[in-house]
PDB file of N, CA and C in Angstrom:
ATOM      1  N   MET A   1     -39.097  44.237  17.375  1.00  0.00           N
ATOM      2  CA  MET A   1     -39.445  42.843  17.953  1.00  0.00           C
ATOM      3  C   MET A   1     -39.069  41.849  17.677  1.00  0.00           C
ATOM      4  N   GLU A   2     -38.913  41.106  18.677  1.00  0.00           N
ATOM      5  CA  GLU A   2     -38.261  39.735  18.639  1.00  0.00           C
ATOM      6  C   GLU A   2     -39.128  38.821  18.036  1.00  0.00           C
ATOM      7  N   LYS A   3     -38.248  37.812  17.449  1.00  0.00           N
ATOM      8  CA  LYS A   3     -38.743  36.739  16.438  1.00  0.00           C
ATOM      9  C   LYS A   3     -39.909  35.684  17.365  1.00  0.00           C
ATOM     10  N   LEU A   4     -40.893  35.651  16.691  1.00  0.00           N
ATOM     11  CA  LEU A   4     -41.760  34.659  17.795  1.00  0.00           C
ATOM     12  C   LEU A   4     -41.317  33.315  17.356  1.00  0.00           C
ATOM     13  N   GLN A   5     -41.300  32.635  18.711  1.00  0.00           N
ATOM     14  CA  GLN A   5     -41.060  31.085  18.582  1.00  0.00           C
ATOM     15  C   GLN A   5     -42.507  30.204  18.928  1.00  0.00           C
ATOM     16  N   ASP A   6     -42.167  28.775  18.835  1.00  0.00           N
ATOM     17  CA  ASP A   6     -43.403  28.164  18.824  1.00  0.00           C
ATOM     18  C   ASP A   6     -43.413  27.308  20.518  1.00  0.00           C
ATOM     19  N   PHE A   7     -44.313  27.593  20.985  1.00  0.00           N
ATOM     20  CA  PHE A   7     -44.175  26.736  22.389  1.00  0.00           C
ATOM     21  C   PHE A   7     -45.737  26.088  22.440  1.00  0.00           C
ATOM     22  N   MET A   8     -45.610  25.104  23.097  1.00  0.00           N
ATOM     23  CA  MET A   8     -46.804  23.938  23.217  1.00  0.00           C
ATOM     24  C   MET A   8     -47.487  24.012  24.362  1.00  0.00           C
ATOM     25  N   LEU A   9     -48.801  24.322  24.640  1.00  0.00           N
ATOM     26  CA  LEU A   9     -49.360  24.330  26.137  1.00  0.00           C
ATOM     27  C   LEU A   9     -50.074  23.010  25.985  1.00  0.00           C
ATOM     28  N   LEU A  10     -49.698  22.118  26.985  1.00  0.00           N
ATOM     29  CA  LEU A  10     -50.156  21.067  27.307  1.00  0.00           C
ATOM     30  C   LEU A  10     -51.272  20.803  28.481  1.00  0.00           C
ATOM     31  N   PHE A  11     -52.482  20.873  28.368  1.00  0.00           N
ATOM     32  CA  PHE A  11     -53.544  20.840  29.250  1.00  0.00           C
ATOM     33  C   PHE A  11     -53.823  19.484  29.942  1.00  0.00           C
ATOM     34  N   ARG A  12     -53.694  19.614  31.469  1.00  0.00           N
ATOM     35  CA  ARG A  12     -53.888  18.182  32.235  1.00  0.00           C
ATOM     36  C   ARG A  12     -54.897  18.464  33.253  1.00  0.00           C
ATOM     37  N   PHE A  13     -55.800  17.308  33.736  1.00  0.00           N
ATOM     38  CA  PHE A  13     -56.750  17.357  34.316  1.00  0.00           C
ATOM     39  C   PHE A  13     -57.246  16.262  34.908  1.00  0.00           C
ATOM     40  N   GLN A  14     -57.991  16.095  36.229  1.00  0.00           N
ATOM     41  CA  GLN A  14     -58.123  14.945  37.130  1.00  0.00           C
ATOM     42  C   GLN A  14     -59.718  14.450  36.163  1.00  0.00           C
ATOM     43  N   PRO A  15     -59.748  13.374  35.437  1.00  0.00           N
ATOM     44  CA  PRO A  15     -60.933  12.915  34.986  1.00  0.00           C
ATOM     45  C   PRO A  15     -61.821  12.464  35.918  1.00  0.00           C
ATOM     46  N   ASP A  16     -63.204  12.922  35.651  1.00  0.00           N
ATOM     47  CA  ASP A  16     -64.000  11.857  36.624  1.00  0.00           C
ATOM     48  C   ASP A  16     -65.125  11.496  35.938  1.00  0.00           C
ATOM     49  N   PHE A  17     -64.687   9.843  35.840  1.00  0.00           N
ATOM     50  CA  PHE A  17     -65.499   9.229  34.688  1.00  0.00           C
ATOM     51  C   PHE A  17     -67.074   9.017  35.007  1.00  0.00           C
ATOM     52  N   SER A  18     -67.327   9.483  36.378  1.00  0.00           N
ATOM     53  CA  SER A  18     -68.706   9.179  36.797  1.00  0.00           C
ATOM     54  C   SER A  18     -69.509  10.561  36.579  1.00  0.00           C
ATOM     55  N   TYR A  19     -69.137  11.437  36.360  1.00  0.00           N
ATOM     56  CA  TYR A  19     -69.500  12.803  36.210  1.00  0.00           C
ATOM     57  C   TYR A  19     -70.133  13.190  34.910  1.00  0.00           C
ATOM     58  N   ARG A  20     -70.869  13.438  34.673  1.00  0.00           N
ATOM     59  CA  ARG A  20     -72.184  13.804  33.125  1.00  0.00           C
ATOM     60  C   ARG A  20     -72.291  14.976  33.177  1.00  0.00           C
ATOM     61  N   PRO A  21     -71.427  16.094  32.514  1.00  0.00           N
ATOM     62  CA  PRO A  21     -72.058  17.534  32.549  1.00  0.00           C
ATOM     63  C   PRO A  21     -73.499  17.669  31.660  1.00  0.00           C
ATOM     64  N   THR A  22     -74.516  18.514  32.168  1.00  0.00           N
ATOM     65  CA  THR A  22     -75.599  18.744  31.491  1.00  0.00           C
ATOM     66  C   THR A  22     -75.118  19.519  30.350  1.00  0.00           C
ATOM     67  N   ASP A  23     -76.351  19.481  29.328  1.00  0.00           N
ATOM     68  CA  ASP A  23     -76.102  20.174  28.142  1.00  0.00           C
ATOM     69  C   ASP A  23     -75.478  21.549  28.221  1.00  0.00           C
ATOM     70  N   ALA A  24     -76.126  22.318  29.102  1.00  0.00           N
ATOM     71  CA  ALA A  24     -75.869  23.865  29.712  1.00  0.00           C
ATOM     72  C   ALA A  24     -74.544  23.957  30.184  1.00  0.00           C
ATOM     73  N   GLU A  25     -74.046  22.860  30.667  1.00  0.00           N
ATOM     74  CA  GLU A  25     -72.301  23.183  31.419  1.00  0.00           C
ATOM     75  C   GLU A  25     -71.508  22.807  30.315  1.00  0.00           C
ATOM     76  N   LEU A  26     -71.893  21.675  29.183  1.00  0.00           N
ATOM     77  CA  LEU A  26     -70.917  21.708  28.140  1.00  0.00           C
ATOM     78  C   LEU A  26     -70.894  22.896  27.083  1.00  0.00           C
ATOM     79  N   ALA A  27     -72.093  23.460  27.038  1.00  0.00           N
ATOM     80  CA  ALA A  27     -72.484  24.803  26.163  1.00  0.00           C
ATOM     81  C   ALA A  27     -71.181  25.862  26.817  1.00  0.00           C
ATOM     82  N   ALA A  28     -71.576  25.813  27.898  1.00  0.00           N
ATOM     83  CA  ALA A  28     -70.637  27.211  28.859  1.00  0.00           C
ATOM     84  C   ALA A  28     -69.151  26.697  28.607  1.00  0.00           C
ATOM     85  N   GLN A  29     -68.840  25.412  29.004  1.00  0.00           N
ATOM     86  CA  GLN A  29     -67.309  25.183  28.700  1.00  0.00           C
ATOM     87  C   GLN A  29     -66.663  25.244  26.985  1.00  0.00           C
ATOM     88  N   LYS A  30     -67.898  24.955  26.246  1.00  0.00           N
ATOM     89  CA  LYS A  30     -67.273  25.182  24.838  1.00  0.00           C
ATOM     90  C   LYS A  30     -67.305  26.580  24.755  1.00  0.00           C
ATOM     91  N   GLN A  31     -68.313  27.348  25.128  1.00  0.00           N
ATOM     92  CA  GLN A  31     -67.940  28.819  24.894  1.00  0.00           C
ATOM     93  C   GLN A  31     -66.809  29.460  25.498  1.00  0.00           C
ATOM     94  N   GLN A  32     -66.361  29.027  26.736  1.00  0.00           N
ATOM     95  CA  GLN A  32     -65.210  29.654  27.186  1.00  0.00           C
ATOM     96  C   GLN A  32     -63.901  29.212  26.437  1.00  0.00           C
ATOM     97  N   TRP A  33     -63.918  28.036  26.276  1.00  0.00           N
ATOM     98  CA  TRP A  33     -62.739  27.492  25.515  1.00  0.00           C
ATOM     99  C   TRP A  33     -62.710  28.366  23.968  1.00  0.00           C
ATOM    100  N   GLY A  34     -63.677  28.293  23.289  1.00  0.00           N
ATOM    101  CA  GLY A  34     -63.810  29.189  22.002  1.00  0.00           C
ATOM    102  C   GLY A  34     -63.266  30.790  22.239  1.00  0.00           C
ATOM    103  N   SER A  35     -63.782  31.530  23.255  1.00  0.00           N
ATOM    104  CA  SER A  35     -63.573  32.548  23.444  1.00  0.00           C
ATOM    105  C   SER A  35     -62.340  32.799  23.574  1.00  0.00           C
ATOM    106  N   TRP A  36     -61.495  31.909  24.438  1.00  0.00           N
ATOM    107  CA  TRP A  36     -60.146  31.892  24.866  1.00  0.00           C
ATOM    108  C   TRP A  36     -58.945  31.495  23.607  1.00  0.00           C
ATOM    109  N   ILE A  37     -59.554  30.498  22.878  1.00  0.00           N
ATOM    110  CA  ILE A  37     -58.625  30.313  21.414  1.00  0.00           C
ATOM    111  C   ILE A  37     -58.991  31.347  20.819  1.00  0.00           C
ATOM    112  N   SER A  38     -60.102  31.881  20.389  1.00  0.00           N
ATOM    113  CA  SER A  38     -60.419  32.837  19.328  1.00  0.00           C
ATOM    114  C   SER A  38     -59.383  34.345  19.840  1.00  0.00           C
ATOM    115  N   GLY A  39     -59.329  34.439  21.039  1.00  0.00           N
ATOM    116  CA  GLY A  39     -58.464  35.603  21.586  1.00  0.00           C
ATOM    117  C   GLY A  39     -57.177  35.563  20.988  1.00  0.00           C
ATOM    118  N   ILE A  40     -56.713  34.398  21.191  1.00  0.00           N
ATOM    119  CA  ILE A  40     -55.372  33.874  20.636  1.00  0.00           C
ATOM    120  C   ILE A  40     -55.134  34.055  19.026  1.00  0.00           C
ATOM    121  N   ALA A  41     -56.070  33.477  18.471  1.00  0.00           N
ATOM    122  CA  ALA A  41     -56.197  33.233  16.861  1.00  0.00           C
ATOM    123  C   ALA A  41     -56.121  34.658  16.336  1.00  0.00           C
ATOM    124  N   VAL A  42     -57.049  35.598  17.185  1.00  0.00           N
ATOM    125  CA  VAL A  42     -56.923  36.910  16.477  1.00  0.00           C
ATOM    126  C   VAL A  42     -55.851  37.897  16.341  1.00  0.00           C
ATOM    127  N   GLN A  43     -54.891  37.284  17.145  1.00  0.00           N
ATOM    128  CA  GLN A  43     -53.397  38.054  17.590  1.00  0.00           C
ATOM    129  C   GLN A  43     -52.755  37.374  16.451  1.00  0.00           C
ATOM    130  N   ALA A  44     -52.933  36.250  15.859  1.00  0.00           N
ATOM    131  CA  ALA A  44     -52.183  35.569  14.668  1.00  0.00           C
ATOM    132  C   ALA A  44     -51.235  34.615  15.616  1.00  0.00           C
ATOM    133  N   LYS A  45     -51.440  34.222  16.587  1.00  0.00           N
ATOM    134  CA  LYS A  45     -50.288  33.509  17.337  1.00  0.00           C
ATOM    135  C   LYS A  45     -50.950  31.997  17.705  1.00  0.00           C
ATOM    136  N   LEU A  46     -51.955  31.475  17.090  1.00  0.00           N
ATOM    137  CA  LEU A  46     -52.634  30.437  17.198  1.00  0.00           C
ATOM    138  C   LEU A  46     -51.698  29.366  16.055  1.00  0.00           C
ATOM    139  N   VAL A  47     -51.242  28.494  16.448  1.00  0.00           N
ATOM    140  CA  VAL A  47     -50.791  27.402  15.324  1.00  0.00           C
ATOM    141  C   VAL A  47     -51.715  26.334  15.021  1.00  0.00           C
ATOM    142  N   SER A  48     -51.923  25.519  16.148  1.00  0.00           N
ATOM    143  CA  SER A  48     -53.042  24.502  16.233  1.00  0.00           C
ATOM    144  C   SER A  48     -53.284  24.521  17.741  1.00  0.00           C
ATOM    145  N   THR A  49     -54.670  23.508  17.871  1.00  0.00           N
ATOM    146  CA  THR A  49     -55.150  22.963  19.137  1.00  0.00           C
ATOM    147  C   THR A  49     -55.733  21.951  18.720  1.00  0.00           C
ATOM    148  N   SER A  50     -55.641  20.864  19.613  1.00  0.00           N
ATOM    149  CA  SER A  50     -56.395  19.364  19.274  1.00  0.00           C
ATOM    150  C   SER A  50     -56.948  19.015  21.137  1.00  0.00           C
ATOM    151  N   GLN A  51     -58.097  18.567  21.032  1.00  0.00           N
ATOM    152  CA  GLN A  51     -58.751  17.858  22.201  1.00  0.00           C
ATOM    153  C   GLN A  51     -58.490  16.376  22.009  1.00  0.00           C
ATOM    154  N   LEU A  52     -58.299  15.666  23.207  1.00  0.00           N
ATOM    155  CA  LEU A  52     -57.848  14.441  23.122  1.00  0.00           C
ATOM    156  C   LEU A  52     -59.242  13.704  23.694  1.00  0.00           C
ATOM    157  N   GLY A  53     -59.459  12.488  23.078  1.00  0.00           N
ATOM    158  CA  GLY A  53     -60.698  11.807  23.815  1.00  0.00           C
ATOM    159  C   GLY A  53     -60.295  10.788  24.896  1.00  0.00           C
ATOM    160  N   PHE A  54     -60.989   9.946  25.073  1.00  0.00           N
ATOM    161  CA  PHE A  54     -60.827   8.949  26.256  1.00  0.00           C
ATOM    162  C   PHE A  54     -60.395   7.647  25.821  1.00  0.00           C
ATOM    163  N   ASP A  55     -60.588   7.352  24.524  1.00  0.00           N
ATOM    164  CA  ASP A  55     -60.224   6.102  23.786  1.00  0.00           C
ATOM    165  C   ASP A  55     -58.973   5.898  23.407  1.00  0.00           C
ATOM    166  N   GLY A  56     -58.073   5.115  23.763  1.00  0.00           N
ATOM    167  CA  GLY A  56     -56.917   4.700  23.573  1.00  0.00           C
ATOM    168  C   GLY A  56     -56.170   3.409  24.059  1.00  0.00           C
ATOM    169  N   ARG A  57     -54.991   3.473  23.700  1.00  0.00           N
ATOM    170  CA  ARG A  57     -54.065   2.241  24.119  1.00  0.00           C
ATOM    171  C   ARG A  57     -52.498   2.698  24.246  1.00  0.00           C
ATOM    172  N   GLN A  58     -51.997   1.881  25.010  1.00  0.00           N
ATOM    173  CA  GLN A  58     -50.426   2.574  25.380  1.00  0.00           C
ATOM    174  C   GLN A  58     -49.723   1.443  25.089  1.00  0.00           C
ATOM    175  N   LEU A  59     -48.464   1.776  23.835  1.00  0.00           N
ATOM    176  CA  LEU A  59     -47.820   0.538  23.224  1.00  0.00           C
ATOM    177  C   LEU A  59     -46.623   0.937  24.303  1.00  0.00           C
ATOM    178  N   ARG A  60     -46.207  -0.224  24.609  1.00  0.00           N
ATOM    179  CA  ARG A  60     -44.724  -0.277  25.511  1.00  0.00           C
ATOM    180  C   ARG A  60     -43.546  -0.609  24.931  1.00  0.00           C
ATOM    181  N   ALA A  61     -42.651  -0.521  24.994  1.00  0.00           N
ATOM    182  CA  ALA A  61     -41.431  -0.765  24.522  1.00  0.00           C
ATOM    183  C   ALA A  61     -40.975  -2.534  24.042  1.00  0.00           C
ATOM    184  N   ASP A  62     -41.902  -3.140  25.100  1.00  0.00           N
ATOM    185  CA  ASP A  62     -41.642  -4.391  24.526  1.00  0.00           C
ATOM    186  C   ASP A  62     -42.515  -5.115  23.851  1.00  0.00           C
ATOM    187  N   MET A  63     -43.965  -4.147  23.332  1.00  0.00           N
ATOM    188  CA  MET A  63     -44.572  -4.302  22.322  1.00  0.00           C
ATOM    189  C   MET A  63     -45.827  -4.777  22.924  1.00  0.00           C
ATOM    190  N   SER A  64     -45.957  -4.758  24.057  1.00  0.00           N
ATOM    191  CA  SER A  64     -47.135  -5.063  24.741  1.00  0.00           C
ATOM    192  C   SER A  64     -47.820  -3.778  24.744  1.00  0.00           C
ATOM    193  N   VAL A  65     -49.492  -4.274  24.920  1.00  0.00           N
ATOM    194  CA  VAL A  65     -50.484  -3.294  24.554  1.00  0.00           C
ATOM    195  C   VAL A  65     -51.161  -2.943  25.582  1.00  0.00           C
ATOM    196  N   GLU A  66     -51.361  -1.968  26.390  1.00  0.00           N
ATOM    197  CA  GLU A  66     -52.256  -1.701  27.529  1.00  0.00           C
ATOM    198  C   GLU A  66     -53.388  -0.960  27.069  1.00  0.00           C
ATOM    199  N   GLU A  67     -54.571  -1.344  27.704  1.00  0.00           N
ATOM    200  CA  GLU A  67     -55.887  -0.509  26.967  1.00  0.00           C
ATOM    201  C   GLU A  67     -56.093   0.324  27.918  1.00  0.00           C
ATOM    202  N   GLY A  68     -56.523   1.616  27.415  1.00  0.00           N
ATOM    203  CA  GLY A  68     -56.777   2.912  28.048  1.00  0.00           C
ATOM    204  C   GLY A  68     -55.748   3.891  28.025  1.00  0.00           C
ATOM    205  N   ILE A  69     -56.171   5.002  28.534  1.00  0.00           N
ATOM    206  CA  ILE A  69     -55.259   6.047  28.614  1.00  0.00           C
ATOM    207  C   ILE A  69     -54.174   6.101  29.655  1.00  0.00           C
ATOM    208  N   HIS A  70     -53.230   6.791  29.597  1.00  0.00           N
ATOM    209  CA  HIS A  70     -52.334   7.169  30.679  1.00  0.00           C
ATOM    210  C   HIS A  70     -52.826   8.383  31.488  1.00  0.00           C
ATOM    211  N   ILE A  71     -52.573   7.685  32.850  1.00  0.00           N
ATOM    212  CA  ILE A  71     -53.165   8.683  34.215  1.00  0.00           C
ATOM    213  C   ILE A  71     -52.025   8.426  34.913  1.00  0.00           C
ATOM    214  N   THR A  72     -51.404   9.783  35.333  1.00  0.00           N
ATOM    215  CA  THR A  72     -50.548   9.651  36.507  1.00  0.00           C
ATOM    216  C   THR A  72     -50.931  10.772  37.298  1.00  0.00           C
ATOM    217  N   GLY A  73     -50.394  10.277  38.648  1.00  0.00           N
ATOM    218  CA  GLY A  73     -51.064  11.296  39.858  1.00  0.00           C
ATOM    219  C   GLY A  73     -52.253  11.972  39.440  1.00  0.00           C
ATOM    220  N   ASN A  74     -53.426  11.004  39.241  1.00  0.00           N
ATOM    221  CA  ASN A  74     -54.718  11.205  38.710  1.00  0.00           C
ATOM    222  C   ASN A  74     -54.721  12.136  37.781  1.00  0.00           C
ATOM    223  N   GLN A  75     -53.698  12.385  37.048  1.00  0.00           N
ATOM    224  CA  GLN A  75     -54.222  13.726  35.955  1.00  0.00           C
ATOM    225  C   GLN A  75     -53.785  12.602  34.480  1.00  0.00           C
ATOM    226  N   THR A  76     -54.596  13.051  33.590  1.00  0.00           N
ATOM    227  CA  THR A  76     -54.330  12.625  32.404  1.00  0.00           C
ATOM    228  C   THR A  76     -54.126  14.068  31.448  1.00  0.00           C
ATOM    229  N   LEU A  77     -53.684  13.659  30.201  1.00  0.00           N
ATOM    230  CA  LEU A  77     -53.535  14.835  29.030  1.00  0.00           C
ATOM    231  C   LEU A  77     -54.652  14.835  28.383  1.00  0.00           C
ATOM    232  N   GLY A  78     -55.562  16.339  28.340  1.00  0.00           N
ATOM    233  CA  GLY A  78     -56.583  16.667  27.764  1.00  0.00           C
ATOM    234  C   GLY A  78     -56.613  17.296  26.686  1.00  0.00           C
ATOM    235  N   GLY A  79     -55.423  17.688  26.055  1.00  0.00           N
ATOM    236  CA  GLY A  79     -55.130  18.222  24.679  1.00  0.00           C
ATOM    237  C   GLY A  79     -54.260  19.164  24.951  1.00  0.00           C
ATOM    238  N   ASN A  80     -53.836  19.925  23.767  1.00  0.00           N
ATOM    239  CA  ASN A  80     -52.591  20.779  23.726  1.00  0.00           C
ATOM    240  C   ASN A  80     -52.837  21.856  22.509  1.00  0.00           C
ATOM    241  N   MET A  81     -52.171  22.978  22.747  1.00  0.00           N
ATOM    242  CA  MET A  81     -52.610  23.814  22.055  1.00  0.00           C
ATOM    243  C   MET A  81     -50.979  24.203  21.171  1.00  0.00           C
ATOM    244  N   ILE A  82     -50.478  24.516  20.038  1.00  0.00           N
ATOM    245  CA  ILE A  82     -49.142  25.230  19.774  1.00  0.00           C
ATOM    246  C   ILE A  82     -49.630  26.828  19.377  1.00  0.00           C
ATOM    247  N   VAL A  83     -48.584  27.953  20.244  1.00  0.00           N
ATOM    248  CA  VAL A  83     -48.916  29.253  20.110  1.00  0.00           C
ATOM    249  C   VAL A  83     -47.648  29.836  19.558  1.00  0.00           C
ATOM    250  N   LYS A  84     -47.396  30.986  19.150  1.00  0.00           N
ATOM    251  CA  LYS A  84     -46.475  31.818  18.766  1.00  0.00           C
ATOM    252  C   LYS A  84     -46.366  32.888  19.503  1.00  0.00           C
ATOM    253  N   ALA A  85     -45.098  33.044  20.282  1.00  0.00           N
ATOM    254  CA  ALA A  85     -44.773  34.002  21.233  1.00  0.00           C
ATOM    255  C   ALA A  85     -43.526  34.440  21.141  1.00  0.00           C
ATOM    256  N   GLU A  86     -43.165  35.572  21.965  1.00  0.00           N
ATOM    257  CA  GLU A  86     -41.910  36.248  22.034  1.00  0.00           C
ATOM    258  C   GLU A  86     -41.266  35.285  22.951  1.00  0.00           C
ATOM    259  N   SER A  87     -41.645  34.852  24.241  1.00  0.00           N
ATOM    260  CA  SER A  87     -40.928  34.275  24.803  1.00  0.00           C
ATOM    261  C   SER A  87     -41.320  33.027  25.997  1.00  0.00           C
ATOM    262  N   LEU A  88     -40.958  32.465  26.421  1.00  0.00           N
ATOM    263  CA  LEU A  88     -41.628  31.411  27.565  1.00  0.00           C
ATOM    264  C   LEU A  88     -42.795  32.310  28.540  1.00  0.00           C
ATOM    265  N   ASP A  89     -42.090  33.398  29.111  1.00  0.00           N
ATOM    266  CA  ASP A  89     -43.166  34.465  29.902  1.00  0.00           C
ATOM    267  C   ASP A  89     -44.525  34.489  29.020  1.00  0.00           C
ATOM    268  N   ASP A  90     -44.234  35.191  27.723  1.00  0.00           N
ATOM    269  CA  ASP A  90     -45.221  35.490  26.955  1.00  0.00           C
ATOM    270  C   ASP A  90     -46.212  34.317  26.642  1.00  0.00           C
ATOM    271  N   ALA A  91     -45.697  33.129  26.577  1.00  0.00           N
ATOM    272  CA  ALA A  91     -46.388  32.234  26.194  1.00  0.00           C
ATOM    273  C   ALA A  91     -47.477  31.726  27.503  1.00  0.00           C
ATOM    274  N   LEU A  92     -46.555  31.806  28.637  1.00  0.00           N
ATOM    275  CA  LEU A  92     -47.147  31.517  30.094  1.00  0.00           C
ATOM    276  C   LEU A  92     -48.374  32.456  30.182  1.00  0.00           C
ATOM    277  N   THR A  93     -48.420  34.065  29.951  1.00  0.00           N
ATOM    278  CA  THR A  93     -49.121  34.917  29.980  1.00  0.00           C
ATOM    279  C   THR A  93     -50.452  34.485  29.257  1.00  0.00           C
ATOM    280  N   MET A  94     -50.378  33.967  27.854  1.00  0.00           N
ATOM    281  CA  MET A  94     -51.377  33.031  27.247  1.00  0.00           C
ATOM    282  C   MET A  94     -52.333  32.135  27.846  1.00  0.00           C
ATOM    283  N   ALA A  95     -51.553  31.498  28.614  1.00  0.00           N
ATOM    284  CA  ALA A  95     -51.886  30.385  29.013  1.00  0.00           C
ATOM    285  C   ALA A  95     -52.806  30.866  30.640  1.00  0.00           C
ATOM    286  N   LYS A  96     -52.732  31.650  30.955  1.00  0.00           N
ATOM    287  CA  LYS A  96     -53.239  32.178  32.350  1.00  0.00           C
ATOM    288  C   LYS A  96     -54.600  32.242  32.121  1.00  0.00           C
ATOM    289  N   GLY A  97     -55.131  32.373  30.869  1.00  0.00           N
ATOM    290  CA  GLY A  97     -56.750  32.198  30.446  1.00  0.00           C
ATOM    291  C   GLY A  97     -57.486  31.265  30.559  1.00  0.00           C
ATOM    292  N   CYS A  98     -56.504  30.292  30.315  1.00  0.00           N
ATOM    293  CA  CYS A  98     -57.133  28.482  29.992  1.00  0.00           C
ATOM    294  C   CYS A  98     -58.120  28.160  30.806  1.00  0.00           C
ATOM    295  N   PRO A  99     -59.099  27.751  30.251  1.00  0.00           N
ATOM    296  CA  PRO A  99     -60.542  27.168  31.210  1.00  0.00           C
ATOM    297  C   PRO A  99     -59.875  26.085  31.732  1.00  0.00           C
ATOM    298  N   ILE A 100     -58.986  25.307  31.411  1.00  0.00           N
ATOM    299  CA  ILE A 100     -58.759  24.257  32.263  1.00  0.00           C
ATOM    300  C   ILE A 100     -58.415  24.181  33.699  1.00  0.00           C
ATOM    301  N   LEU A 101     -57.982  25.671  34.010  1.00  0.00           N
ATOM    302  CA  LEU A 101     -57.471  26.342  35.088  1.00  0.00           C
ATOM    303  C   LEU A 101     -58.633  26.278  36.356  1.00  0.00           C
ATOM    304  N   LYS A 102     -60.145  26.927  35.507  1.00  0.00           N
ATOM    305  CA  LYS A 102     -61.036  26.921  36.550  1.00  0.00           C
ATOM    306  C   LYS A 102     -61.823  25.451  36.695  1.00  0.00           C
ATOM    307  N   MET A 103     -61.247  24.515  35.903  1.00  0.00           N
ATOM    308  CA  MET A 103     -61.562  22.914  36.212  1.00  0.00           C
ATOM    309  C   MET A 103     -60.573  22.458  37.533  1.00  0.00           C
ATOM    310  N   GLY A 104     -59.620  23.134  37.664  1.00  0.00           N
ATOM    311  CA  GLY A 104     -58.504  22.399  38.568  1.00  0.00           C
ATOM    312  C   GLY A 104     -57.358  21.956  38.172  1.00  0.00           C
ATOM    313  N   GLY A 105     -57.151  21.937  36.669  1.00  0.00           N
ATOM    314  CA  GLY A 105     -56.367  21.316  35.935  1.00  0.00           C
ATOM    315  C   GLY A 105     -55.057  22.369  35.559  1.00  0.00           C
ATOM    316  N   THR A 106     -54.361  21.813  34.901  1.00  0.00           N
ATOM    317  CA  THR A 106     -52.908  22.570  35.019  1.00  0.00           C
ATOM    318  C   THR A 106     -52.536  22.788  33.509  1.00  0.00           C
ATOM    319  N   VAL A 107     -52.038  23.763  33.049  1.00  0.00           N
ATOM    320  CA  VAL A 107     -50.923  23.925  31.976  1.00  0.00           C
ATOM    321  C   VAL A 107     -49.839  24.024  31.873  1.00  0.00           C
ATOM    322  N   GLU A 108     -49.223  23.066  31.141  1.00  0.00           N
ATOM    323  CA  GLU A 108     -47.658  23.224  31.324  1.00  0.00           C
ATOM    324  C   GLU A 108     -47.142  23.780  29.705  1.00  0.00           C
ATOM    325  N   VAL A 109     -46.032  24.613  30.004  1.00  0.00           N
ATOM    326  CA  VAL A 109     -45.591  25.464  28.898  1.00  0.00           C
ATOM    327  C   VAL A 109     -44.354  25.102  28.513  1.00  0.00           C
ATOM    328  N   ARG A 110     -44.154  24.577  27.086  1.00  0.00           N
ATOM    329  CA  ARG A 110     -42.908  24.160  26.725  1.00  0.00           C
ATOM    330  C   ARG A 110     -42.401  24.750  25.507  1.00  0.00           C
ATOM    331  N   ASN A 111     -41.252  24.737  25.605  1.00  0.00           N
ATOM    332  CA  ASN A 111     -40.583  25.551  24.086  1.00  0.00           C
ATOM    333  C   ASN A 111     -40.562  24.242  23.222  1.00  0.00           C
ATOM    334  N   ILE A 112     -40.775  24.382  21.971  1.00  0.00           N
ATOM    335  CA  ILE A 112     -40.830  23.356  20.729  1.00  0.00           C
ATOM    336  C   ILE A 112     -39.413  23.527  20.030  1.00  0.00           C
ATOM    337  N   LEU A 113     -38.866  22.731  19.768  1.00  0.00           N
ATOM    338  CA  LEU A 113     -37.349  22.422  19.164  1.00  0.00           C
ATOM    339  C   LEU A 113     -37.624  21.511  17.928  1.00  0.00           C
ATOM    340  N   PRO A 114     -37.202  22.275  16.846  1.00  0.00           N
ATOM    341  CA  PRO A 114     -37.373  21.720  15.611  1.00  0.00           C
ATOM    342  C   PRO A 114     -36.356  20.361  15.491  1.00  0.00           C
ATOM    343  N   MET A 115     -36.908  19.347  14.618  1.00  0.00           N
ATOM    344  CA  MET A 115     -36.563  18.011  14.523  1.00  0.00           C
ATOM    345  C   MET A 115     -35.815  18.020  13.380  1.00  0.00           C
TER     346      MET A 115
END
């Protein structure tokens, strides 16, 4: 068996600040994410996961501060997950079940290099 490596899954989506999901929609989303994450966890391949909020500031190299989160190409980073996988293809296979894809978002899968 090949040694497992760490990979980061980056979840991006197009925020719609005017849309307010119902309690039922929020519960369904939470259930979908929970099922997907727990499926990876029971395989002992989940290292960590984080959801990002919408409050933030951006610090520039010149020490200026811009209010708000970074949005480029109408997408922002919504969260991340670190998983253990045999290869980039194996991590990509895990990513195919991500609920962000059903929302029109994307999952970027990247290898992690030790520092």
